[in-house]
């Protein structure tokens, strides 16, 4: 998708999420083999990806790399953060005019008054790992989400 953000996720009549604004879609896997290709991907991202939800690797694209679906894992982490705290992790930085490109290079910090479980916080931190090679795949995210599901009646539950 390459532009996941709260306003691009709507709910249908059954409260199932539906992705909107597919104009930023691109191939899931982009192989970059030169500085020219890196600049083209970087320029494309600057034009099509919302800055405060853009993955770190799209701000400064290396001349030898693979850009893949983990950019969407980052953005999905930003959406999760917004659901947890009421605003995206870099919205205030962008609104103040500070550099989001610099801010996303640092590990995520959470508000000190978080009321969310340690498991949900671990999920969020994993999704927003700065190094895309260390960021989990969607299958790993789904596995972590399964661990957050309520246990069947009569069993211990995990607080979300």
N, C-alpha and C. Protein backbone atom coordinates (compact mmCIF):
# COMPACT_ATOMS: atom_id res chain seq x y z
N UNK A 1 0.84 -1.20 0.00
CA UNK A 1 0.00 0.00 0.00
C UNK A 1 0.87 1.25 0.00
N UNK A 2 1.83 1.32 0.90
CA UNK A 2 2.83 2.40 1.03
C UNK A 2 2.28 3.71 1.59
N UNK A 3 1.00 3.77 1.95
CA UNK A 3 0.49 4.99 2.60
C UNK A 3 -0.57 4.64 3.64
N UNK A 4 -0.26 3.64 4.47
CA UNK A 4 -1.19 3.29 5.54
C UNK A 4 -1.20 4.39 6.59
N UNK A 5 -2.39 4.82 6.94
CA UNK A 5 -2.60 5.83 7.98
C UNK A 5 -4.05 5.73 8.40
N UNK A 6 -4.41 6.28 9.54
CA UNK A 6 -5.79 6.11 10.04
C UNK A 6 -6.87 6.53 9.04
N UNK A 7 -6.65 7.60 8.30
CA UNK A 7 -7.68 8.06 7.37
C UNK A 7 -7.80 7.18 6.13
N UNK A 8 -6.88 6.24 5.93
CA UNK A 8 -6.97 5.32 4.81
C UNK A 8 -7.50 3.95 5.22
N UNK A 9 -7.96 3.83 6.45
CA UNK A 9 -8.57 2.59 6.92
C UNK A 9 -9.98 2.91 7.37
N UNK A 10 -10.95 2.40 6.64
CA UNK A 10 -12.36 2.61 6.98
C UNK A 10 -12.96 1.28 7.42
N UNK A 11 -14.12 1.33 8.05
CA UNK A 11 -14.82 0.12 8.46
C UNK A 11 -16.04 -0.08 7.58
N UNK A 12 -16.26 -1.33 7.14
CA UNK A 12 -17.45 -1.62 6.35
C UNK A 12 -18.64 -1.86 7.28
N UNK A 13 -19.78 -2.26 6.71
CA UNK A 13 -21.00 -2.43 7.50
C UNK A 13 -20.88 -3.52 8.55
N UNK A 14 -19.90 -4.42 8.41
CA UNK A 14 -19.66 -5.47 9.40
C UNK A 14 -18.49 -5.13 10.32
N UNK A 15 -18.08 -3.87 10.32
CA UNK A 15 -16.95 -3.38 11.12
C UNK A 15 -15.63 -4.05 10.75
N UNK A 16 -15.50 -4.47 9.51
CA UNK A 16 -14.25 -5.03 9.01
C UNK A 16 -13.45 -3.90 8.35
N UNK A 17 -12.14 -3.83 8.59
CA UNK A 17 -11.34 -2.75 7.99
C UNK A 17 -11.22 -2.91 6.48
N UNK A 18 -11.27 -1.77 5.80
CA UNK A 18 -11.11 -1.72 4.35
C UNK A 18 -10.08 -0.64 4.05
N UNK A 19 -9.05 -0.99 3.26
CA UNK A 19 -8.03 -0.01 2.90
C UNK A 19 -8.53 0.87 1.77
N UNK A 20 -8.29 2.16 1.90
CA UNK A 20 -8.70 3.14 0.89
C UNK A 20 -7.45 3.81 0.32
N UNK A 21 -7.66 4.68 -0.66
CA UNK A 21 -6.60 5.48 -1.27
C UNK A 21 -5.46 4.60 -1.78
N UNK A 22 -5.76 3.85 -2.79
CA UNK A 22 -4.79 2.92 -3.34
C UNK A 22 -3.84 3.57 -4.35
N UNK A 23 -3.87 4.89 -4.46
CA UNK A 23 -3.03 5.60 -5.41
C UNK A 23 -1.55 5.55 -5.10
N UNK A 24 -1.19 5.20 -3.88
CA UNK A 24 0.23 5.13 -3.50
C UNK A 24 0.78 3.72 -3.62
N UNK A 25 -0.05 2.79 -4.04
CA UNK A 25 0.41 1.41 -4.14
C UNK A 25 1.60 1.30 -5.09
N UNK A 26 2.44 0.34 -4.77
CA UNK A 26 3.62 0.06 -5.57
C UNK A 26 3.90 -1.42 -5.43
N UNK A 27 4.86 -1.93 -6.17
CA UNK A 27 5.25 -3.32 -5.99
C UNK A 27 5.66 -3.54 -4.54
N UNK A 28 5.36 -4.72 -4.01
CA UNK A 28 5.70 -5.02 -2.62
C UNK A 28 7.21 -5.04 -2.41
N UNK A 29 7.94 -5.46 -3.42
CA UNK A 29 9.39 -5.61 -3.30
C UNK A 29 10.06 -4.83 -4.42
N UNK A 30 10.90 -3.87 -4.04
CA UNK A 30 11.60 -3.04 -5.01
C UNK A 30 13.10 -3.21 -4.78
N UNK A 31 13.80 -3.70 -5.79
CA UNK A 31 15.25 -3.85 -5.69
C UNK A 31 15.91 -2.57 -6.19
N UNK A 32 16.74 -1.99 -5.35
CA UNK A 32 17.45 -0.76 -5.68
C UNK A 32 18.91 -1.12 -5.91
N UNK A 33 19.43 -0.77 -7.10
CA UNK A 33 20.80 -1.16 -7.47
C UNK A 33 21.71 0.00 -7.81
N UNK A 34 21.22 1.23 -7.68
CA UNK A 34 22.07 2.38 -8.01
C UNK A 34 21.58 3.60 -7.26
N UNK A 35 22.41 4.61 -7.22
CA UNK A 35 22.00 5.85 -6.56
C UNK A 35 20.85 6.51 -7.31
N UNK A 36 20.81 6.36 -8.62
CA UNK A 36 19.71 6.92 -9.41
C UNK A 36 18.38 6.24 -9.02
N UNK A 37 18.39 4.91 -8.92
CA UNK A 37 17.18 4.19 -8.51
C UNK A 37 16.79 4.56 -7.09
N UNK A 38 17.78 4.71 -6.21
CA UNK A 38 17.51 5.10 -4.83
C UNK A 38 16.82 6.46 -4.77
N UNK A 39 17.32 7.41 -5.53
CA UNK A 39 16.71 8.75 -5.56
C UNK A 39 15.29 8.70 -6.13
N UNK A 40 15.07 7.85 -7.13
CA UNK A 40 13.74 7.72 -7.71
C UNK A 40 12.74 7.19 -6.68
N UNK A 41 13.14 6.17 -5.91
CA UNK A 41 12.27 5.63 -4.87
C UNK A 41 12.03 6.67 -3.78
N UNK A 42 13.08 7.35 -3.40
CA UNK A 42 12.98 8.39 -2.36
C UNK A 42 12.05 9.51 -2.81
N UNK A 43 12.19 9.96 -4.04
CA UNK A 43 11.33 11.02 -4.56
C UNK A 43 9.88 10.55 -4.66
N UNK A 44 9.69 9.31 -5.11
CA UNK A 44 8.35 8.75 -5.18
C UNK A 44 7.70 8.74 -3.79
N UNK A 45 8.45 8.28 -2.79
CA UNK A 45 7.93 8.23 -1.41
C UNK A 45 7.60 9.62 -0.90
N UNK A 46 8.44 10.60 -1.21
CA UNK A 46 8.19 11.97 -0.76
C UNK A 46 6.89 12.53 -1.33
N UNK A 47 6.55 12.11 -2.54
CA UNK A 47 5.33 12.59 -3.18
C UNK A 47 4.09 11.82 -2.77
N UNK A 48 4.23 10.54 -2.44
CA UNK A 48 3.06 9.68 -2.28
C UNK A 48 2.81 9.14 -0.87
N UNK A 49 3.80 9.21 0.00
CA UNK A 49 3.66 8.62 1.34
C UNK A 49 3.55 9.72 2.38
N UNK A 50 2.55 9.64 3.23
CA UNK A 50 2.36 10.63 4.28
C UNK A 50 3.58 10.65 5.19
N UNK A 51 4.15 11.82 5.36
CA UNK A 51 5.46 11.94 6.02
C UNK A 51 5.47 11.36 7.44
N UNK A 52 4.44 11.59 8.22
CA UNK A 52 4.47 11.14 9.62
C UNK A 52 4.15 9.66 9.77
N UNK A 53 3.87 8.96 8.67
CA UNK A 53 3.62 7.51 8.70
C UNK A 53 4.61 6.77 7.79
N UNK A 54 5.58 7.48 7.24
CA UNK A 54 6.55 6.92 6.29
C UNK A 54 7.66 6.18 7.03
N UNK A 55 7.99 5.01 6.54
CA UNK A 55 9.05 4.19 7.14
C UNK A 55 10.41 4.87 6.99
N UNK A 56 11.31 4.68 7.96
CA UNK A 56 12.62 5.33 7.93
C UNK A 56 13.41 5.06 6.65
N UNK A 57 13.31 3.85 6.13
CA UNK A 57 14.10 3.50 4.95
C UNK A 57 13.64 4.22 3.68
N UNK A 58 12.48 4.88 3.73
CA UNK A 58 12.01 5.64 2.56
C UNK A 58 12.46 7.10 2.59
N UNK A 59 13.04 7.54 3.71
CA UNK A 59 13.55 8.92 3.78
C UNK A 59 14.92 9.03 3.12
N UNK A 60 15.79 8.07 3.38
CA UNK A 60 17.12 8.04 2.79
C UNK A 60 17.34 6.63 2.26
N UNK A 61 17.04 6.43 1.00
CA UNK A 61 17.10 5.10 0.40
C UNK A 61 18.54 4.79 0.01
N UNK A 62 19.11 3.69 0.53
CA UNK A 62 20.47 3.30 0.15
C UNK A 62 20.53 2.91 -1.33
N UNK A 63 21.70 3.03 -1.93
CA UNK A 63 21.84 2.73 -3.36
C UNK A 63 21.88 1.23 -3.65
N UNK A 64 22.04 0.42 -2.64
CA UNK A 64 21.99 -1.04 -2.79
C UNK A 64 21.10 -1.59 -1.69
N UNK A 65 19.84 -1.86 -2.00
CA UNK A 65 18.93 -2.36 -0.96
C UNK A 65 17.69 -2.95 -1.60
N UNK A 66 16.87 -3.54 -0.77
CA UNK A 66 15.56 -4.01 -1.19
C UNK A 66 14.54 -3.34 -0.27
N UNK A 67 13.62 -2.63 -0.88
CA UNK A 67 12.50 -2.02 -0.15
C UNK A 67 11.36 -3.02 -0.27
N UNK A 68 10.79 -3.42 0.85
CA UNK A 68 9.74 -4.43 0.77
C UNK A 68 8.55 -4.08 1.65
N UNK A 69 7.69 -5.07 1.87
CA UNK A 69 6.42 -4.85 2.58
C UNK A 69 6.61 -4.42 4.03
N UNK A 70 7.83 -4.48 4.53
CA UNK A 70 8.04 -4.03 5.91
C UNK A 70 7.87 -2.52 6.05
N UNK A 71 7.85 -1.78 4.93
CA UNK A 71 7.48 -0.36 5.03
C UNK A 71 6.04 -0.23 5.53
N UNK A 72 5.17 -1.14 5.09
CA UNK A 72 3.78 -1.12 5.56
C UNK A 72 3.66 -1.59 7.01
N UNK A 73 4.55 -2.48 7.45
CA UNK A 73 4.55 -2.90 8.86
C UNK A 73 4.84 -1.68 9.73
N UNK A 74 5.81 -0.85 9.33
CA UNK A 74 6.11 0.38 10.06
C UNK A 74 4.88 1.28 10.13
N UNK A 75 4.27 1.53 8.98
CA UNK A 75 3.11 2.42 8.93
C UNK A 75 1.95 1.85 9.74
N UNK A 76 1.77 0.54 9.69
CA UNK A 76 0.73 -0.10 10.49
C UNK A 76 1.03 0.08 11.98
N UNK A 77 2.31 0.06 12.35
CA UNK A 77 2.69 0.36 13.73
C UNK A 77 2.31 1.78 14.11
N UNK A 78 2.49 2.72 13.19
CA UNK A 78 2.08 4.10 13.45
C UNK A 78 0.57 4.19 13.65
N UNK A 79 -0.19 3.42 12.87
CA UNK A 79 -1.65 3.39 13.02
C UNK A 79 -2.01 2.80 14.39
N UNK A 80 -1.35 1.72 14.77
CA UNK A 80 -1.59 1.12 16.09
C UNK A 80 -1.28 2.12 17.19
N UNK A 81 -0.18 2.83 17.08
CA UNK A 81 0.19 3.86 18.06
C UNK A 81 -0.94 4.89 18.15
N UNK A 82 -1.45 5.32 17.01
CA UNK A 82 -2.54 6.30 16.98
C UNK A 82 -3.78 5.75 17.68
N UNK A 83 -4.07 4.47 17.49
CA UNK A 83 -5.21 3.85 18.16
C UNK A 83 -5.00 3.80 19.67
N UNK A 84 -3.76 3.61 20.08
CA UNK A 84 -3.45 3.49 21.50
C UNK A 84 -3.41 4.85 22.21
N UNK A 85 -2.92 5.88 21.51
CA UNK A 85 -2.63 7.15 22.18
C UNK A 85 -3.35 8.36 21.58
N UNK A 86 -4.16 8.16 20.55
CA UNK A 86 -4.97 9.25 20.02
C UNK A 86 -4.32 10.12 18.97
N UNK A 87 -3.05 9.91 18.70
CA UNK A 87 -2.35 10.61 17.61
C UNK A 87 -1.17 9.77 17.18
N UNK A 88 -0.71 9.98 15.95
CA UNK A 88 0.43 9.24 15.45
C UNK A 88 1.69 9.60 16.19
N UNK A 89 2.69 8.72 16.19
CA UNK A 89 3.91 8.96 16.96
C UNK A 89 4.72 10.16 16.48
N UNK A 90 4.53 10.58 15.22
CA UNK A 90 5.31 11.70 14.68
C UNK A 90 4.43 12.87 14.24
N UNK A 91 3.14 12.81 14.55
CA UNK A 91 2.23 13.90 14.17
C UNK A 91 2.64 15.23 14.80
N UNK A 92 2.95 15.22 16.09
CA UNK A 92 3.31 16.47 16.78
C UNK A 92 4.63 17.03 16.23
N UNK A 93 5.56 16.16 15.94
CA UNK A 93 6.85 16.60 15.37
C UNK A 93 6.62 17.29 14.04
N UNK A 94 5.79 16.68 13.19
CA UNK A 94 5.48 17.26 11.89
C UNK A 94 4.77 18.60 12.05
N UNK A 95 3.80 18.66 12.95
CA UNK A 95 3.02 19.89 13.15
C UNK A 95 3.88 21.03 13.67
N UNK A 96 4.92 20.71 14.45
CA UNK A 96 5.83 21.75 14.95
C UNK A 96 6.83 22.19 13.89
N UNK A 97 6.90 21.45 12.79
CA UNK A 97 7.86 21.79 11.74
C UNK A 97 9.22 21.16 11.95
N UNK A 98 9.33 20.27 12.93
CA UNK A 98 10.60 19.58 13.16
C UNK A 98 10.76 18.44 12.15
N UNK A 99 11.94 17.86 12.11
CA UNK A 99 12.27 16.86 11.10
C UNK A 99 11.76 15.47 11.47
N UNK A 100 10.75 15.01 10.76
CA UNK A 100 10.27 13.65 10.93
C UNK A 100 11.35 12.67 10.46
N UNK A 101 12.07 13.03 9.40
CA UNK A 101 13.13 12.17 8.86
C UNK A 101 14.18 11.85 9.93
N UNK A 102 14.51 12.81 10.77
CA UNK A 102 15.45 12.57 11.86
C UNK A 102 14.79 11.80 12.99
N UNK A 103 13.57 12.15 13.32
CA UNK A 103 12.87 11.53 14.46
C UNK A 103 12.69 10.02 14.25
N UNK A 104 12.38 9.60 13.03
CA UNK A 104 12.12 8.17 12.80
C UNK A 104 13.39 7.33 12.86
N UNK A 105 14.55 7.96 12.90
CA UNK A 105 15.81 7.22 12.99
C UNK A 105 16.11 6.78 14.42
N UNK A 106 15.33 7.26 15.37
CA UNK A 106 15.53 6.93 16.78
C UNK A 106 14.48 5.94 17.24
N UNK A 107 14.83 5.11 18.24
CA UNK A 107 13.84 4.17 18.76
C UNK A 107 12.59 4.89 19.28
N UNK A 108 11.47 4.25 19.12
CA UNK A 108 10.18 4.78 19.55
C UNK A 108 10.15 4.95 21.06
N UNK A 109 9.54 6.02 21.51
CA UNK A 109 9.27 6.20 22.94
C UNK A 109 7.76 6.31 23.12
N UNK A 110 7.28 5.80 24.24
CA UNK A 110 5.85 5.84 24.54
C UNK A 110 5.58 6.88 25.61
N UNK A 111 4.37 7.43 25.62
CA UNK A 111 4.00 8.32 26.72
C UNK A 111 4.16 7.58 28.05
N UNK A 112 4.55 8.30 29.08
CA UNK A 112 4.82 7.66 30.37
C UNK A 112 3.55 7.15 31.04
N UNK A 113 2.41 7.59 30.58
CA UNK A 113 1.15 7.20 31.21
C UNK A 113 0.43 6.09 30.43
N UNK A 114 1.19 5.22 29.79
CA UNK A 114 0.54 4.17 29.00
C UNK A 114 -0.21 3.19 29.90
N UNK A 115 -1.38 2.80 29.45
CA UNK A 115 -2.22 1.88 30.21
C UNK A 115 -2.37 0.55 29.48
N UNK A 116 -1.52 0.33 28.51
CA UNK A 116 -1.63 -0.85 27.66
C UNK A 116 -0.70 -1.95 28.16
N UNK A 117 -1.08 -3.19 27.87
CA UNK A 117 -0.31 -4.34 28.34
C UNK A 117 1.10 -4.34 27.76
N UNK A 118 1.97 -5.03 28.47
CA UNK A 118 3.35 -5.18 28.00
C UNK A 118 3.38 -5.90 26.66
N UNK A 119 2.49 -6.87 26.45
CA UNK A 119 2.45 -7.61 25.18
C UNK A 119 2.08 -6.69 24.02
N UNK A 120 1.12 -5.81 24.21
CA UNK A 120 0.74 -4.87 23.15
C UNK A 120 1.87 -3.88 22.89
N UNK A 121 2.54 -3.45 23.94
CA UNK A 121 3.68 -2.54 23.76
C UNK A 121 4.81 -3.23 23.00
N UNK A 122 5.07 -4.51 23.29
CA UNK A 122 6.10 -5.27 22.56
C UNK A 122 5.74 -5.37 21.08
N UNK A 123 4.46 -5.61 20.80
CA UNK A 123 4.00 -5.67 19.41
C UNK A 123 4.29 -4.35 18.71
N UNK A 124 3.92 -3.26 19.35
CA UNK A 124 4.14 -1.93 18.78
C UNK A 124 5.63 -1.67 18.53
N UNK A 125 6.46 -1.95 19.53
CA UNK A 125 7.91 -1.73 19.37
C UNK A 125 8.47 -2.58 18.23
N UNK A 126 7.99 -3.82 18.10
CA UNK A 126 8.51 -4.67 17.02
C UNK A 126 8.13 -4.11 15.66
N UNK A 127 6.91 -3.60 15.52
CA UNK A 127 6.46 -3.05 14.24
C UNK A 127 7.23 -1.79 13.87
N UNK A 128 7.69 -1.05 14.88
CA UNK A 128 8.35 0.22 14.64
C UNK A 128 9.85 0.14 14.88
N UNK A 129 10.42 -1.02 14.62
CA UNK A 129 11.87 -1.19 14.66
C UNK A 129 12.47 -0.40 13.51
N UNK A 130 13.45 0.44 13.81
CA UNK A 130 14.02 1.33 12.80
C UNK A 130 14.66 0.55 11.65
N UNK A 131 15.43 -0.47 11.95
CA UNK A 131 16.09 -1.26 10.91
C UNK A 131 15.07 -2.20 10.27
N UNK A 132 14.78 -2.01 8.99
CA UNK A 132 13.75 -2.85 8.36
C UNK A 132 14.11 -4.33 8.34
N UNK A 133 15.41 -4.66 8.34
CA UNK A 133 15.82 -6.06 8.35
C UNK A 133 15.44 -6.75 9.67
N UNK A 134 15.28 -5.96 10.73
CA UNK A 134 14.91 -6.50 12.04
C UNK A 134 13.41 -6.40 12.31
N UNK A 135 12.70 -5.73 11.44
CA UNK A 135 11.25 -5.55 11.59
C UNK A 135 10.55 -6.86 11.23
N UNK A 136 9.52 -7.24 11.95
CA UNK A 136 8.86 -8.52 11.67
C UNK A 136 8.08 -8.52 10.36
N UNK A 137 7.85 -9.72 9.86
CA UNK A 137 7.00 -9.90 8.68
C UNK A 137 5.54 -9.85 9.13
N UNK A 138 4.63 -9.80 8.17
CA UNK A 138 3.21 -9.78 8.52
C UNK A 138 2.82 -11.08 9.22
N UNK A 139 3.42 -12.21 8.84
CA UNK A 139 3.10 -13.48 9.52
C UNK A 139 3.53 -13.45 10.98
N UNK A 140 4.67 -12.84 11.26
CA UNK A 140 5.12 -12.71 12.65
C UNK A 140 4.20 -11.78 13.43
N UNK A 141 3.72 -10.72 12.79
CA UNK A 141 2.78 -9.80 13.44
C UNK A 141 1.49 -10.55 13.76
N UNK A 142 0.99 -11.32 12.81
CA UNK A 142 -0.25 -12.09 13.04
C UNK A 142 -0.08 -13.06 14.20
N UNK A 143 1.09 -13.68 14.29
CA UNK A 143 1.37 -14.59 15.40
C UNK A 143 1.34 -13.84 16.74
N UNK A 144 1.95 -12.65 16.78
CA UNK A 144 1.93 -11.85 18.00
C UNK A 144 0.50 -11.44 18.35
N UNK A 145 -0.30 -11.11 17.34
CA UNK A 145 -1.69 -10.72 17.58
C UNK A 145 -2.51 -11.88 18.16
N UNK A 146 -2.23 -13.09 17.69
CA UNK A 146 -2.93 -14.26 18.23
C UNK A 146 -2.71 -14.37 19.73
N UNK A 147 -1.50 -14.03 20.18
CA UNK A 147 -1.19 -14.07 21.60
C UNK A 147 -1.94 -13.02 22.41
N UNK A 148 -2.47 -12.01 21.75
CA UNK A 148 -3.24 -10.97 22.43
C UNK A 148 -4.73 -11.27 22.48
N UNK A 149 -5.16 -12.32 21.79
CA UNK A 149 -6.58 -12.66 21.76
C UNK A 149 -7.01 -13.17 23.13
N UNK A 150 -8.25 -12.87 23.52
CA UNK A 150 -8.76 -13.38 24.80
C UNK A 150 -8.78 -14.91 24.79
N UNK A 151 -8.47 -15.48 25.93
CA UNK A 151 -8.52 -16.93 26.07
C UNK A 151 -9.98 -17.38 26.13
N UNK A 152 -10.25 -18.63 25.77
CA UNK A 152 -11.61 -19.14 25.90
C UNK A 152 -12.09 -19.02 27.34
N UNK A 153 -13.39 -18.98 27.52
CA UNK A 153 -13.99 -18.81 28.85
C UNK A 153 -13.39 -19.81 29.83
N UNK A 154 -13.06 -19.31 31.01
CA UNK A 154 -12.51 -20.16 32.06
C UNK A 154 -11.00 -20.21 32.08
N UNK A 155 -10.32 -19.58 31.10
CA UNK A 155 -8.86 -19.56 31.08
C UNK A 155 -8.37 -18.16 31.38
N UNK A 156 -7.08 -18.07 31.76
CA UNK A 156 -6.49 -16.76 32.01
C UNK A 156 -6.51 -15.93 30.73
N UNK A 157 -6.61 -14.62 30.88
CA UNK A 157 -6.64 -13.73 29.72
C UNK A 157 -5.45 -12.79 29.76
N UNK A 158 -5.12 -12.25 28.61
CA UNK A 158 -4.07 -11.25 28.48
C UNK A 158 -4.71 -9.88 28.40
N UNK A 159 -4.28 -8.97 29.25
CA UNK A 159 -4.82 -7.61 29.21
C UNK A 159 -4.24 -6.88 28.01
N UNK A 160 -5.10 -6.23 27.25
CA UNK A 160 -4.64 -5.47 26.08
C UNK A 160 -4.50 -4.03 26.42
